[in-house]
Protein backbone atom coordinates (compact mmCIF):
# COMPACT_ATOMS: atom_id res chain seq x y z
CA MET A 1 9.65 30.33 -14.29
CA SER A 2 6.13 30.48 -15.44
CA GLU A 3 4.07 27.96 -13.55
CA GLU A 4 0.50 26.97 -14.60
CA ARG A 5 -1.82 26.81 -11.56
CA ASN A 6 -4.70 24.41 -11.48
CA ALA A 7 -7.87 26.46 -11.82
CA ILE A 8 -10.24 23.72 -10.62
CA PRO A 9 -9.74 24.33 -6.83
CA LEU A 10 -10.19 28.02 -7.36
CA ILE A 11 -13.44 27.47 -9.29
CA LEU A 12 -14.73 25.07 -6.77
CA THR A 13 -13.93 27.48 -3.89
CA GLY A 14 -15.95 30.31 -5.62
CA VAL A 15 -18.86 28.05 -6.30
CA GLY A 16 -18.84 26.70 -2.70
CA SER A 17 -18.64 30.04 -1.17
CA ILE A 18 -21.59 31.44 -3.17
CA ILE A 19 -23.61 28.36 -2.19
CA VAL A 20 -22.81 28.60 1.45
CA THR A 21 -23.59 32.42 1.34
CA VAL A 22 -27.03 31.84 -0.30
CA ALA A 23 -27.70 29.00 2.33
CA ALA A 24 -26.80 31.28 5.24
CA LEU A 25 -28.89 34.37 3.91
CA TRP A 26 -31.87 31.92 3.44
CA TYR A 27 -31.58 30.52 6.87
CA TYR A 28 -31.33 33.74 8.64
CA GLY A 29 -34.44 35.01 6.77
CA TYR A 30 -32.66 37.55 4.51
CA LEU A 31 -33.47 35.77 1.41
CA HIS A 32 -36.90 34.53 0.28
CA PHE A 33 -37.72 32.39 -2.67
CA ALA A 34 -41.07 33.65 -3.76
CA LYS A 35 -43.74 31.39 -4.93
CA PRO A 36 -46.59 32.20 -7.21
CA GLU A 37 -49.13 31.53 -4.29
CA ASP A 38 -47.42 34.22 -2.26
CA ALA A 39 -48.28 37.02 -4.62
CA LEU A 40 -51.33 39.25 -3.99
CA LEU A 41 -52.37 41.00 -7.34
CA LEU A 42 -53.36 44.62 -7.09
CA GLN A 43 -56.19 43.93 -9.57
CA ASP A 44 -57.76 41.86 -6.82
CA PHE A 45 -58.59 44.88 -4.83
CA THR A 46 -61.05 47.66 -5.90
CA MET A 47 -61.85 50.92 -4.25
CA LEU A 48 -65.38 51.68 -3.71
CA LYS A 49 -66.06 55.49 -3.97
CA THR A 50 -68.54 56.65 -1.41
CA VAL A 51 -70.85 59.39 -2.42
CA PRO A 52 -72.94 61.14 0.37
CA GLY A 53 -76.51 60.04 0.21
CA GLU A 54 -75.91 56.91 -1.84
CA ASP A 55 -75.87 53.30 -0.41
CA TYR A 56 -73.49 50.61 -1.37
CA LYS A 57 -73.28 46.92 -0.61
CA VAL A 58 -70.37 45.02 0.62
CA SER A 59 -69.84 41.43 1.78
CA LEU A 60 -70.41 40.53 5.61
CA THR A 61 -67.45 38.19 5.27
CA PRO A 62 -64.11 39.88 5.98
CA ALA A 63 -61.23 39.56 3.55
CA ASP A 64 -58.17 37.40 4.04
CA GLN A 65 -55.94 40.61 4.36
CA VAL A 66 -55.63 43.04 7.14
CA ALA A 67 -54.29 46.72 6.74
CA GLN A 68 -52.22 48.64 9.09
CA CYS A 69 -50.66 52.07 9.01
CA MET A 70 -46.92 51.89 9.40
CA ASP A 71 -44.67 54.97 9.06
CA GLY A 72 -47.43 56.66 7.03
CA VAL A 73 -47.76 53.82 4.57
CA LEU A 74 -50.59 51.45 4.25
CA VAL A 75 -49.31 47.87 4.67
CA LEU A 76 -51.31 44.72 4.00
CA PHE A 77 -50.92 41.43 5.94
CA ASP A 78 -52.36 38.12 4.80
CA THR A 79 -53.99 36.16 7.47
CA GLN A 80 -54.08 32.84 5.70
CA GLN A 81 -50.32 32.74 4.70
CA LYS A 82 -47.99 33.52 7.59
CA GLY A 83 -45.36 36.08 6.78
CA LEU A 84 -46.90 37.40 3.64
CA SER A 85 -47.22 41.19 3.63
CA GLY A 86 -46.90 43.98 1.16
CA VAL A 87 -47.28 47.69 0.68
CA LEU A 88 -50.37 48.77 -1.11
CA VAL A 89 -49.30 50.89 -4.29
CA ASP A 90 -51.08 52.49 -7.16
CA ASP A 91 -50.70 51.68 -10.97
CA ARG A 92 -47.50 54.01 -10.95
CA LYS A 93 -45.96 52.04 -7.91
CA ARG A 94 -46.54 54.86 -5.57
CA ALA A 95 -47.25 53.86 -2.04
CA VAL A 96 -50.77 54.42 -0.58
CA ARG A 97 -50.37 56.78 2.41
CA CYS A 98 -52.41 56.81 5.47
CA VAL A 99 -53.11 59.54 7.87
CA GLY A 100 -52.68 57.78 11.28
CA GLU A 101 -53.44 54.76 13.37
CA GLU A 102 -57.01 55.72 13.81
CA ALA A 103 -59.88 55.54 11.29
CA PRO A 104 -60.95 58.93 9.86
CA GLY A 105 -64.41 58.43 11.56
CA GLN A 106 -62.79 58.11 15.00
CA VAL A 107 -60.64 61.31 14.76
CA GLN A 108 -61.81 63.94 17.46
């Protein structure tokens, strides 16, 4: 009494359910297909070390990114590309921490 089952409907059901799941995750924003222009390279940023008594020059034009302290971690938001954000990390992928919402010069 061995009956052979047709495997084609099972395969099509599996593939179809994967496609529907990926489409639903993408529609509700849980899945994002990254594009090369979405990436910000860490090498694009440089820290200028401030030494008391020495002057340094920076451009008057602001950068396209804005930083904000969230849960003790420095998060960058891009003002040109909506929805692009990221956590600033060092070369060992450790998150750059921040003290609080206020700039250090404004703490009283």
